[in-house]
Amino acid sequence: MTTRWFEMGRQEVIEKLGTCAEKGLDEQSAKERLEQYGPNKLASAGRTPPWLMFVNQFKDFMVLILLAATLVSGLLGEWADAITIMIIVVINAS
């Protein structure tokens, strides 16, 4: 189970971490913890390319409905409606 630090009192956290509130860790303890736990850094999740973010916008249910409406409008010869809907979808995805 993960330690829920935010639920603990100040003194309990200090005792659990084995540190001093006024001085912090001594140099030797800090080195040992760095070796044991590694640096205090968040793992990077990687960046999603902009083109993939754009394409992912078209997975939304309402966008799919609008694309279907564009297709129906185009098949019925309502080009103004089809183009208008497509412009709205592209602007929304940007």
PDB file of N, CA and C in Angstrom:
ATOM      1  N   MET A   1       0.832  -1.186   0.000  1.00  0.00           N
ATOM      2  CA  MET A   1       0.000   0.000   0.000  1.00  0.00           C
ATOM      3  C   MET A   1       0.878   1.251   0.000  1.00  0.00           C
ATOM      4  N   THR A   2       0.475   2.253  -0.696  1.00  0.00           N
ATOM      5  CA  THR A   2       1.196   3.508  -0.780  1.00  0.00           C
ATOM      6  C   THR A   2       1.039   4.298   0.512  1.00  0.00           C
ATOM      7  N   THR A   3       2.131   4.904   0.954  1.00  0.00           N
ATOM      8  CA  THR A   3       2.080   5.736   2.155  1.00  0.00           C
ATOM      9  C   THR A   3       1.303   7.006   1.841  1.00  0.00           C
ATOM     10  N   ARG A   4       0.352   7.339   2.666  1.00  0.00           N
ATOM     11  CA  ARG A   4      -0.490   8.524   2.472  1.00  0.00           C
ATOM     12  C   ARG A   4       0.049   9.646   3.357  1.00  0.00           C
ATOM     13  N   TRP A   5       1.146  10.253   2.894  1.00  0.00           N
ATOM     14  CA  TRP A   5       1.851  11.265   3.664  1.00  0.00           C
ATOM     15  C   TRP A   5       0.954  12.425   4.047  1.00  0.00           C
ATOM     16  N   PHE A   6       0.052  12.804   3.163  1.00  0.00           N
ATOM     17  CA  PHE A   6      -0.793  13.970   3.411  1.00  0.00           C
ATOM     18  C   PHE A   6      -1.764  13.772   4.563  1.00  0.00           C
ATOM     19  N   GLU A   7      -1.962  12.526   4.996  1.00  0.00           N
ATOM     20  CA  GLU A   7      -2.868  12.253   6.107  1.00  0.00           C
ATOM     21  C   GLU A   7      -2.142  12.249   7.457  1.00  0.00           C
ATOM     22  N   MET A   8      -0.820  12.286   7.417  1.00  0.00           N
ATOM     23  CA  MET A   8      -0.032  12.198   8.651  1.00  0.00           C
ATOM     24  C   MET A   8       0.249  13.583   9.227  1.00  0.00           C
ATOM     25  N   GLY A   9       0.500  13.595  10.509  1.00  0.00           N
ATOM     26  CA  GLY A   9       0.923  14.823  11.167  1.00  0.00           C
ATOM     27  C   GLY A   9       2.396  15.081  10.890  1.00  0.00           C
ATOM     28  N   ARG A  10       2.824  16.292  11.131  1.00  0.00           N
ATOM     29  CA  ARG A  10       4.211  16.702  10.857  1.00  0.00           C
ATOM     30  C   ARG A  10       5.215  15.804  11.578  1.00  0.00           C
ATOM     31  N   GLN A  11       5.010  15.601  12.867  1.00  0.00           N
ATOM     32  CA  GLN A  11       5.961  14.819  13.667  1.00  0.00           C
ATOM     33  C   GLN A  11       5.994  13.363  13.202  1.00  0.00           C
ATOM     34  N   GLU A  12       4.872  12.820  12.827  1.00  0.00           N
ATOM     35  CA  GLU A  12       4.814  11.438  12.350  1.00  0.00           C
ATOM     36  C   GLU A  12       5.616  11.273  11.056  1.00  0.00           C
ATOM     37  N   VAL A  13       5.511  12.240  10.167  1.00  0.00           N
ATOM     38  CA  VAL A  13       6.267  12.197   8.905  1.00  0.00           C
ATOM     39  C   VAL A  13       7.761  12.267   9.200  1.00  0.00           C
ATOM     40  N   ILE A  14       8.161  13.165  10.071  1.00  0.00           N
ATOM     41  CA  ILE A  14       9.580  13.319  10.424  1.00  0.00           C
ATOM     42  C   ILE A  14      10.128  12.014  10.986  1.00  0.00           C
ATOM     43  N   GLU A  15       9.381  11.385  11.878  1.00  0.00           N
ATOM     44  CA  GLU A  15       9.825  10.121  12.471  1.00  0.00           C
ATOM     45  C   GLU A  15       9.876   9.011  11.428  1.00  0.00           C
ATOM     46  N   LYS A  16       8.877   8.932  10.586  1.00  0.00           N
ATOM     47  CA  LYS A  16       8.812   7.875   9.569  1.00  0.00           C
ATOM     48  C   LYS A  16       9.966   8.001   8.565  1.00  0.00           C
ATOM     49  N   LEU A  17      10.351   9.239   8.251  1.00  0.00           N
ATOM     50  CA  LEU A  17      11.443   9.467   7.304  1.00  0.00           C
ATOM     51  C   LEU A  17      12.818   9.425   7.970  1.00  0.00           C
ATOM     52  N   GLY A  18      12.835   9.450   9.285  1.00  0.00           N
ATOM     53  CA  GLY A  18      14.110   9.403  10.008  1.00  0.00           C
ATOM     54  C   GLY A  18      14.973  10.611   9.732  1.00  0.00           C
ATOM     55  N   THR A  19      14.402  11.774   9.836  1.00  0.00           N
ATOM     56  CA  THR A  19      15.120  13.013   9.543  1.00  0.00           C
ATOM     57  C   THR A  19      14.946  14.007  10.681  1.00  0.00           C
ATOM     58  N   CYS A  20      15.527  15.179  10.513  1.00  0.00           N
ATOM     59  CA  CYS A  20      15.421  16.248  11.497  1.00  0.00           C
ATOM     60  C   CYS A  20      14.726  17.433  10.850  1.00  0.00           C
ATOM     61  N   ALA A  21      13.708  17.983  11.506  1.00  0.00           N
ATOM     62  CA  ALA A  21      12.933  19.082  10.929  1.00  0.00           C
ATOM     63  C   ALA A  21      13.758  20.360  10.794  1.00  0.00           C
ATOM     64  N   GLU A  22      14.702  20.566  11.691  1.00  0.00           N
ATOM     65  CA  GLU A  22      15.489  21.793  11.663  1.00  0.00           C
ATOM     66  C   GLU A  22      16.682  21.706  10.705  1.00  0.00           C
ATOM     67  N   LYS A  23      17.346  20.569  10.671  1.00  0.00           N
ATOM     68  CA  LYS A  23      18.600  20.436   9.906  1.00  0.00           C
ATOM     69  C   LYS A  23      18.439  19.640   8.613  1.00  0.00           C
ATOM     70  N   GLY A  24      17.391  18.846   8.510  1.00  0.00           N
ATOM     71  CA  GLY A  24      17.252  17.977   7.343  1.00  0.00           C
ATOM     72  C   GLY A  24      18.153  16.758   7.462  1.00  0.00           C
ATOM     73  N   LEU A  25      18.535  16.184   6.341  1.00  0.00           N
ATOM     74  CA  LEU A  25      19.412  15.019   6.349  1.00  0.00           C
ATOM     75  C   LEU A  25      20.869  15.450   6.383  1.00  0.00           C
ATOM     76  N   ASP A  26      21.699  14.634   7.055  1.00  0.00           N
ATOM     77  CA  ASP A  26      23.135  14.905   6.948  1.00  0.00           C
ATOM     78  C   ASP A  26      23.611  14.408   5.588  1.00  0.00           C
ATOM     79  N   GLU A  27      24.808  14.808   5.203  1.00  0.00           N
ATOM     80  CA  GLU A  27      25.304  14.510   3.858  1.00  0.00           C
ATOM     81  C   GLU A  27      25.373  13.012   3.583  1.00  0.00           C
ATOM     82  N   GLN A  28      25.815  12.240   4.549  1.00  0.00           N
ATOM     83  CA  GLN A  28      25.942  10.792   4.367  1.00  0.00           C
ATOM     84  C   GLN A  28      24.568  10.153   4.152  1.00  0.00           C
ATOM     85  N   SER A  29      23.577  10.535   4.947  1.00  0.00           N
ATOM     86  CA  SER A  29      22.220   9.986   4.791  1.00  0.00           C
ATOM     87  C   SER A  29      21.642  10.361   3.436  1.00  0.00           C
ATOM     88  N   ALA A  30      21.897  11.588   3.005  1.00  0.00           N
ATOM     89  CA  ALA A  30      21.396  12.040   1.705  1.00  0.00           C
ATOM     90  C   ALA A  30      22.002  11.206   0.579  1.00  0.00           C
ATOM     91  N   LYS A  31      23.307  10.926   0.647  1.00  0.00           N
ATOM     92  CA  LYS A  31      23.972  10.107  -0.373  1.00  0.00           C
ATOM     93  C   LYS A  31      23.410   8.690  -0.391  1.00  0.00           C
ATOM     94  N   GLU A  32      23.220   8.123   0.798  1.00  0.00           N
ATOM     95  CA  GLU A  32      22.684   6.765   0.886  1.00  0.00           C
ATOM     96  C   GLU A  32      21.285   6.686   0.284  1.00  0.00           C
ATOM     97  N   ARG A  33      20.452   7.669   0.586  1.00  0.00           N
ATOM     98  CA  ARG A  33      19.088   7.664   0.053  1.00  0.00           C
ATOM     99  C   ARG A  33      19.065   7.901  -1.450  1.00  0.00           C
ATOM    100  N   LEU A  34      19.999   8.711  -1.927  1.00  0.00           N
ATOM    101  CA  LEU A  34      20.087   8.939  -3.368  1.00  0.00           C
ATOM    102  C   LEU A  34      20.448   7.638  -4.078  1.00  0.00           C
ATOM    103  N   GLU A  35      21.381   6.882  -3.508  1.00  0.00           N
ATOM    104  CA  GLU A  35      21.753   5.596  -4.098  1.00  0.00           C
ATOM    105  C   GLU A  35      20.609   4.593  -4.018  1.00  0.00           C
ATOM    106  N   GLN A  36      19.910   4.584  -2.885  1.00  0.00           N
ATOM    107  CA  GLN A  36      18.838   3.615  -2.669  1.00  0.00           C
ATOM    108  C   GLN A  36      17.605   3.924  -3.510  1.00  0.00           C
ATOM    109  N   TYR A  37      17.176   5.172  -3.554  1.00  0.00           N
ATOM    110  CA  TYR A  37      15.909   5.535  -4.191  1.00  0.00           C
ATOM    111  C   TYR A  37      16.062   6.240  -5.537  1.00  0.00           C
ATOM    112  N   GLY A  38      17.271   6.733  -5.820  1.00  0.00           N
ATOM    113  CA  GLY A  38      17.484   7.472  -7.056  1.00  0.00           C
ATOM    114  C   GLY A  38      17.124   8.936  -6.881  1.00  0.00           C
ATOM    115  N   PRO A  39      17.326   9.737  -7.946  1.00  0.00           N
ATOM    116  CA  PRO A  39      17.040  11.167  -7.848  1.00  0.00           C
ATOM    117  C   PRO A  39      15.540  11.439  -7.719  1.00  0.00           C
ATOM    118  N   ASN A  40      15.209  12.570  -7.131  1.00  0.00           N
ATOM    119  CA  ASN A  40      13.820  12.952  -6.911  1.00  0.00           C
ATOM    120  C   ASN A  40      13.284  13.645  -8.169  1.00  0.00           C
ATOM    121  N   LYS A  41      13.021  12.830  -9.208  1.00  0.00           N
ATOM    122  CA  LYS A  41      12.541  13.361 -10.477  1.00  0.00           C
ATOM    123  C   LYS A  41      11.321  12.579 -10.932  1.00  0.00           C
ATOM    124  N   LEU A  42      10.424  13.279 -11.593  1.00  0.00           N
ATOM    125  CA  LEU A  42       9.275  12.618 -12.180  1.00  0.00           C
ATOM    126  C   LEU A  42       9.681  11.990 -13.502  1.00  0.00           C
ATOM    127  N   ALA A  43       9.134  10.829 -13.799  1.00  0.00           N
ATOM    128  CA  ALA A  43       9.408  10.189 -15.079  1.00  0.00           C
ATOM    129  C   ALA A  43       8.697  10.967 -16.176  1.00  0.00           C
ATOM    130  N   SER A  44       9.396  11.189 -17.269  1.00  0.00           N
ATOM    131  CA  SER A  44       8.752  11.920 -18.365  1.00  0.00           C
ATOM    132  C   SER A  44       7.871  10.953 -19.145  1.00  0.00           C
ATOM    133  N   ALA A  45       6.700  11.412 -19.497  1.00  0.00           N
ATOM    134  CA  ALA A  45       5.728  10.569 -20.173  1.00  0.00           C
ATOM    135  C   ALA A  45       5.940  10.557 -21.680  1.00  0.00           C
ATOM    136  N   GLY A  46       6.838  11.362 -22.173  1.00  0.00           N
ATOM    137  CA  GLY A  46       7.010  11.464 -23.615  1.00  0.00           C
ATOM    138  C   GLY A  46       5.986  12.435 -24.177  1.00  0.00           C
ATOM    139  N   ARG A  47       6.330  13.051 -25.260  1.00  0.00           N
ATOM    140  CA  ARG A  47       5.458  14.056 -25.828  1.00  0.00           C
ATOM    141  C   ARG A  47       4.689  13.475 -27.005  1.00  0.00           C
ATOM    142  N   THR A  48       3.403  13.759 -27.052  1.00  0.00           N
ATOM    143  CA  THR A  48       2.565  13.310 -28.157  1.00  0.00           C
ATOM    144  C   THR A  48       2.745  14.274 -29.320  1.00  0.00           C
ATOM    145  N   PRO A  49       3.055  13.745 -30.512  1.00  0.00           N
ATOM    146  CA  PRO A  49       3.241  14.636 -31.668  1.00  0.00           C
ATOM    147  C   PRO A  49       1.956  15.400 -31.990  1.00  0.00           C
ATOM    148  N   PRO A  50       2.084  16.646 -32.463  1.00  0.00           N
ATOM    149  CA  PRO A  50       0.899  17.462 -32.760  1.00  0.00           C
ATOM    150  C   PRO A  50      -0.060  16.807 -33.761  1.00  0.00           C
ATOM    151  N   TRP A  51       0.480  16.128 -34.766  1.00  0.00           N
ATOM    152  CA  TRP A  51      -0.403  15.501 -35.760  1.00  0.00           C
ATOM    153  C   TRP A  51      -1.253  14.412 -35.121  1.00  0.00           C
ATOM    154  N   LEU A  52      -0.694  13.681 -34.141  1.00  0.00           N
ATOM    155  CA  LEU A  52      -1.453  12.629 -33.465  1.00  0.00           C
ATOM    156  C   LEU A  52      -2.527  13.230 -32.567  1.00  0.00           C
ATOM    157  N   MET A  53      -2.212  14.367 -31.914  1.00  0.00           N
ATOM    158  CA  MET A  53      -3.224  15.043 -31.101  1.00  0.00           C
ATOM    159  C   MET A  53      -4.381  15.498 -31.989  1.00  0.00           C
ATOM    160  N   PHE A  54      -4.062  15.999 -33.190  1.00  0.00           N
ATOM    161  CA  PHE A  54      -5.088  16.441 -34.137  1.00  0.00           C
ATOM    162  C   PHE A  54      -5.974  15.265 -34.555  1.00  0.00           C
ATOM    163  N   VAL A  55      -5.357  14.146 -34.913  1.00  0.00           N
ATOM    164  CA  VAL A  55      -6.107  12.955 -35.351  1.00  0.00           C
ATOM    165  C   VAL A  55      -6.969  12.414 -34.208  1.00  0.00           C
ATOM    166  N   ASN A  56      -6.450  12.457 -32.979  1.00  0.00           N
ATOM    167  CA  ASN A  56      -7.207  11.940 -31.826  1.00  0.00           C
ATOM    168  C   ASN A  56      -8.489  12.724 -31.563  1.00  0.00           C
ATOM    169  N   GLN A  57      -8.558  13.960 -32.036  1.00  0.00           N
ATOM    170  CA  GLN A  57      -9.768  14.761 -31.864  1.00  0.00           C
ATOM    171  C   GLN A  57     -10.950  14.135 -32.599  1.00  0.00           C
ATOM    172  N   PHE A  58     -10.662  13.354 -33.637  1.00  0.00           N
ATOM    173  CA  PHE A  58     -11.722  12.771 -34.452  1.00  0.00           C
ATOM    174  C   PHE A  58     -12.263  11.463 -33.871  1.00  0.00           C
ATOM    175  N   LYS A  59     -11.819  11.080 -32.688  1.00  0.00           N
ATOM    176  CA  LYS A  59     -12.327   9.881 -32.021  1.00  0.00           C
ATOM    177  C   LYS A  59     -13.550  10.176 -31.146  1.00  0.00           C
ATOM    178  N   ASP A  60     -13.828  11.435 -30.918  1.00  0.00           N
ATOM    179  CA  ASP A  60     -14.961  11.829 -30.094  1.00  0.00           C
ATOM    180  C   ASP A  60     -16.275  11.464 -30.790  1.00  0.00           C
ATOM    181  N   PHE A  61     -17.241  10.984 -30.030  1.00  0.00           N
ATOM    182  CA  PHE A  61     -18.517  10.538 -30.584  1.00  0.00           C
ATOM    183  C   PHE A  61     -19.238  11.647 -31.347  1.00  0.00           C
ATOM    184  N   MET A  62     -19.276  12.843 -30.778  1.00  0.00           N
ATOM    185  CA  MET A  62     -19.985  13.946 -31.447  1.00  0.00           C
ATOM    186  C   MET A  62     -19.296  14.345 -32.748  1.00  0.00           C
ATOM    187  N   VAL A  63     -17.986  14.274 -32.782  1.00  0.00           N
ATOM    188  CA  VAL A  63     -17.265  14.586 -34.020  1.00  0.00           C
ATOM    189  C   VAL A  63     -17.597  13.539 -35.079  1.00  0.00           C
ATOM    190  N   LEU A  64     -17.684  12.284 -34.670  1.00  0.00           N
ATOM    191  CA  LEU A  64     -18.054  11.231 -35.625  1.00  0.00           C
ATOM    192  C   LEU A  64     -19.465  11.452 -36.174  1.00  0.00           C
ATOM    193  N   ILE A  65     -20.372  11.921 -35.325  1.00  0.00           N
ATOM    194  CA  ILE A  65     -21.733  12.242 -35.783  1.00  0.00           C
ATOM    195  C   ILE A  65     -21.690  13.374 -36.804  1.00  0.00           C
ATOM    196  N   LEU A  66     -20.877  14.393 -36.530  1.00  0.00           N
ATOM    197  CA  LEU A  66     -20.757  15.504 -37.472  1.00  0.00           C
ATOM    198  C   LEU A  66     -20.148  15.052 -38.795  1.00  0.00           C
ATOM    199  N   LEU A  67     -19.172  14.159 -38.732  1.00  0.00           N
ATOM    200  CA  LEU A  67     -18.588  13.633 -39.968  1.00  0.00           C
ATOM    201  C   LEU A  67     -19.617  12.831 -40.760  1.00  0.00           C
ATOM    202  N   ALA A  68     -20.447  12.067 -40.063  1.00  0.00           N
ATOM    203  CA  ALA A  68     -21.523  11.332 -40.733  1.00  0.00           C
ATOM    204  C   ALA A  68     -22.509  12.304 -41.369  1.00  0.00           C
ATOM    205  N   ALA A  69     -22.821  13.394 -40.663  1.00  0.00           N
ATOM    206  CA  ALA A  69     -23.727  14.409 -41.219  1.00  0.00           C
ATOM    207  C   ALA A  69     -23.106  15.059 -42.453  1.00  0.00           C
ATOM    208  N   THR A  70     -21.802  15.239 -42.438  1.00  0.00           N
ATOM    209  CA  THR A  70     -21.106  15.787 -43.600  1.00  0.00           C
ATOM    210  C   THR A  70     -21.258  14.846 -44.790  1.00  0.00           C
ATOM    211  N   LEU A  71     -21.075  13.563 -44.542  1.00  0.00           N
ATOM    212  CA  LEU A  71     -21.207  12.566 -45.604  1.00  0.00           C
ATOM    213  C   LEU A  71     -22.627  12.555 -46.173  1.00  0.00           C
ATOM    214  N   VAL A  72     -23.615  12.546 -45.290  1.00  0.00           N
ATOM    215  CA  VAL A  72     -25.014  12.545 -45.735  1.00  0.00           C
ATOM    216  C   VAL A  72     -25.327  13.812 -46.532  1.00  0.00           C
ATOM    217  N   SER A  73     -24.866  14.954 -46.029  1.00  0.00           N
ATOM    218  CA  SER A  73     -25.101  16.217 -46.740  1.00  0.00           C
ATOM    219  C   SER A  73     -24.459  16.194 -48.116  1.00  0.00           C
ATOM    220  N   GLY A  74     -23.246  15.664 -48.192  1.00  0.00           N
ATOM    221  CA  GLY A  74     -22.562  15.569 -49.479  1.00  0.00           C
ATOM    222  C   GLY A  74     -23.290  14.650 -50.442  1.00  0.00           C
ATOM    223  N   LEU A  75     -23.772  13.510 -49.949  1.00  0.00           N
ATOM    224  CA  LEU A  75     -24.496  12.558 -50.799  1.00  0.00           C
ATOM    225  C   LEU A  75     -25.828  13.141 -51.279  1.00  0.00           C
ATOM    226  N   LEU A  76     -26.417  14.016 -50.500  1.00  0.00           N
ATOM    227  CA  LEU A  76     -27.684  14.645 -50.885  1.00  0.00           C
ATOM    228  C   LEU A  76     -27.459  15.890 -51.747  1.00  0.00           C
ATOM    229  N   GLY A  77     -26.195  16.213 -51.993  1.00  0.00           N
ATOM    230  CA  GLY A  77     -25.904  17.365 -52.824  1.00  0.00           C
ATOM    231  C   GLY A  77     -25.936  18.689 -52.090  1.00  0.00           C
ATOM    232  N   GLU A  78     -26.016  18.657 -50.799  1.00  0.00           N
ATOM    233  CA  GLU A  78     -26.018  19.879 -49.983  1.00  0.00           C
ATOM    234  C   GLU A  78     -24.570  20.263 -49.673  1.00  0.00           C
ATOM    235  N   TRP A  79     -23.873  20.747 -50.681  1.00  0.00           N
ATOM    236  CA  TRP A  79     -22.442  21.017 -50.551  1.00  0.00           C
ATOM    237  C   TRP A  79     -22.146  22.133 -49.556  1.00  0.00           C
ATOM    238  N   ALA A  80     -22.973  23.127 -49.502  1.00  0.00           N
ATOM    239  CA  ALA A  80     -22.747  24.232 -48.563  1.00  0.00           C
ATOM    240  C   ALA A  80     -22.789  23.719 -47.130  1.00  0.00           C
ATOM    241  N   ASP A  81     -23.785  22.861 -46.838  1.00  0.00           N
ATOM    242  CA  ASP A  81     -23.884  22.289 -45.488  1.00  0.00           C
ATOM    243  C   ASP A  81     -22.699  21.379 -45.188  1.00  0.00           C
ATOM    244  N   ALA A  82     -22.320  20.551 -46.151  1.00  0.00           N
ATOM    245  CA  ALA A  82     -21.216  19.609 -45.951  1.00  0.00           C
ATOM    246  C   ALA A  82     -19.911  20.356 -45.679  1.00  0.00           C
ATOM    247  N   ILE A  83     -19.663  21.394 -46.475  1.00  0.00           N
ATOM    248  CA  ILE A  83     -18.437  22.168 -46.303  1.00  0.00           C
ATOM    249  C   ILE A  83     -18.448  22.915 -44.967  1.00  0.00           C
ATOM    250  N   THR A  84     -19.592  23.472 -44.611  1.00  0.00           N
ATOM    251  CA  THR A  84     -19.706  24.196 -43.339  1.00  0.00           C
ATOM    252  C   THR A  84     -19.437  23.267 -42.157  1.00  0.00           C
ATOM    253  N   ILE A  85     -20.049  22.099 -42.186  1.00  0.00           N
ATOM    254  CA  ILE A  85     -19.841  21.137 -41.087  1.00  0.00           C
ATOM    255  C   ILE A  85     -18.376  20.720 -41.027  1.00  0.00           C
ATOM    256  N   MET A  86     -17.759  20.455 -42.180  1.00  0.00           N
ATOM    257  CA  MET A  86     -16.364  20.035 -42.203  1.00  0.00           C
ATOM    258  C   MET A  86     -15.450  21.134 -41.660  1.00  0.00           C
ATOM    259  N   ILE A  87     -15.731  22.380 -42.014  1.00  0.00           N
ATOM    260  CA  ILE A  87     -14.925  23.493 -41.486  1.00  0.00           C
ATOM    261  C   ILE A  87     -15.059  23.566 -39.966  1.00  0.00           C
ATOM    262  N   ILE A  88     -16.257  23.387 -39.462  1.00  0.00           N
ATOM    263  CA  ILE A  88     -16.477  23.411 -38.008  1.00  0.00           C
ATOM    264  C   ILE A  88     -15.704  22.287 -37.322  1.00  0.00           C
ATOM    265  N   VAL A  89     -15.732  21.091 -37.918  1.00  0.00           N
ATOM    266  CA  VAL A  89     -15.022  19.947 -37.337  1.00  0.00           C
ATOM    267  C   VAL A  89     -13.509  20.208 -37.309  1.00  0.00           C
ATOM    268  N   VAL A  90     -12.970  20.736 -38.399  1.00  0.00           N
ATOM    269  CA  VAL A  90     -11.527  20.991 -38.464  1.00  0.00           C
ATOM    270  C   VAL A  90     -11.128  22.091 -37.490  1.00  0.00           C
ATOM    271  N   ILE A  91     -11.921  23.146 -37.404  1.00  0.00           N
ATOM    272  CA  ILE A  91     -11.618  24.230 -36.449  1.00  0.00           C
ATOM    273  C   ILE A  91     -11.676  23.700 -35.019  1.00  0.00           C
ATOM    274  N   ASN A  92     -12.653  22.878 -34.739  1.00  0.00           N
ATOM    275  CA  ASN A  92     -12.790  22.295 -33.401  1.00  0.00           C
ATOM    276  C   ASN A  92     -11.595  21.416 -33.060  1.00  0.00           C
ATOM    277  N   ALA A  93     -11.056  20.717 -34.035  1.00  0.00           N
ATOM    278  CA  ALA A  93      -9.934  19.812 -33.786  1.00  0.00           C
ATOM    279  C   ALA A  93      -8.613  20.566 -33.640  1.00  0.00           C
ATOM    280  N   SER A  94      -8.559  21.805 -34.105  1.00  0.00           N
ATOM    281  CA  SER A  94      -7.290  22.556 -34.049  1.00  0.00           C
ATOM    282  C   SER A  94      -6.961  23.024 -32.662  1.00  0.00           C
TER     283      SER A  94
END
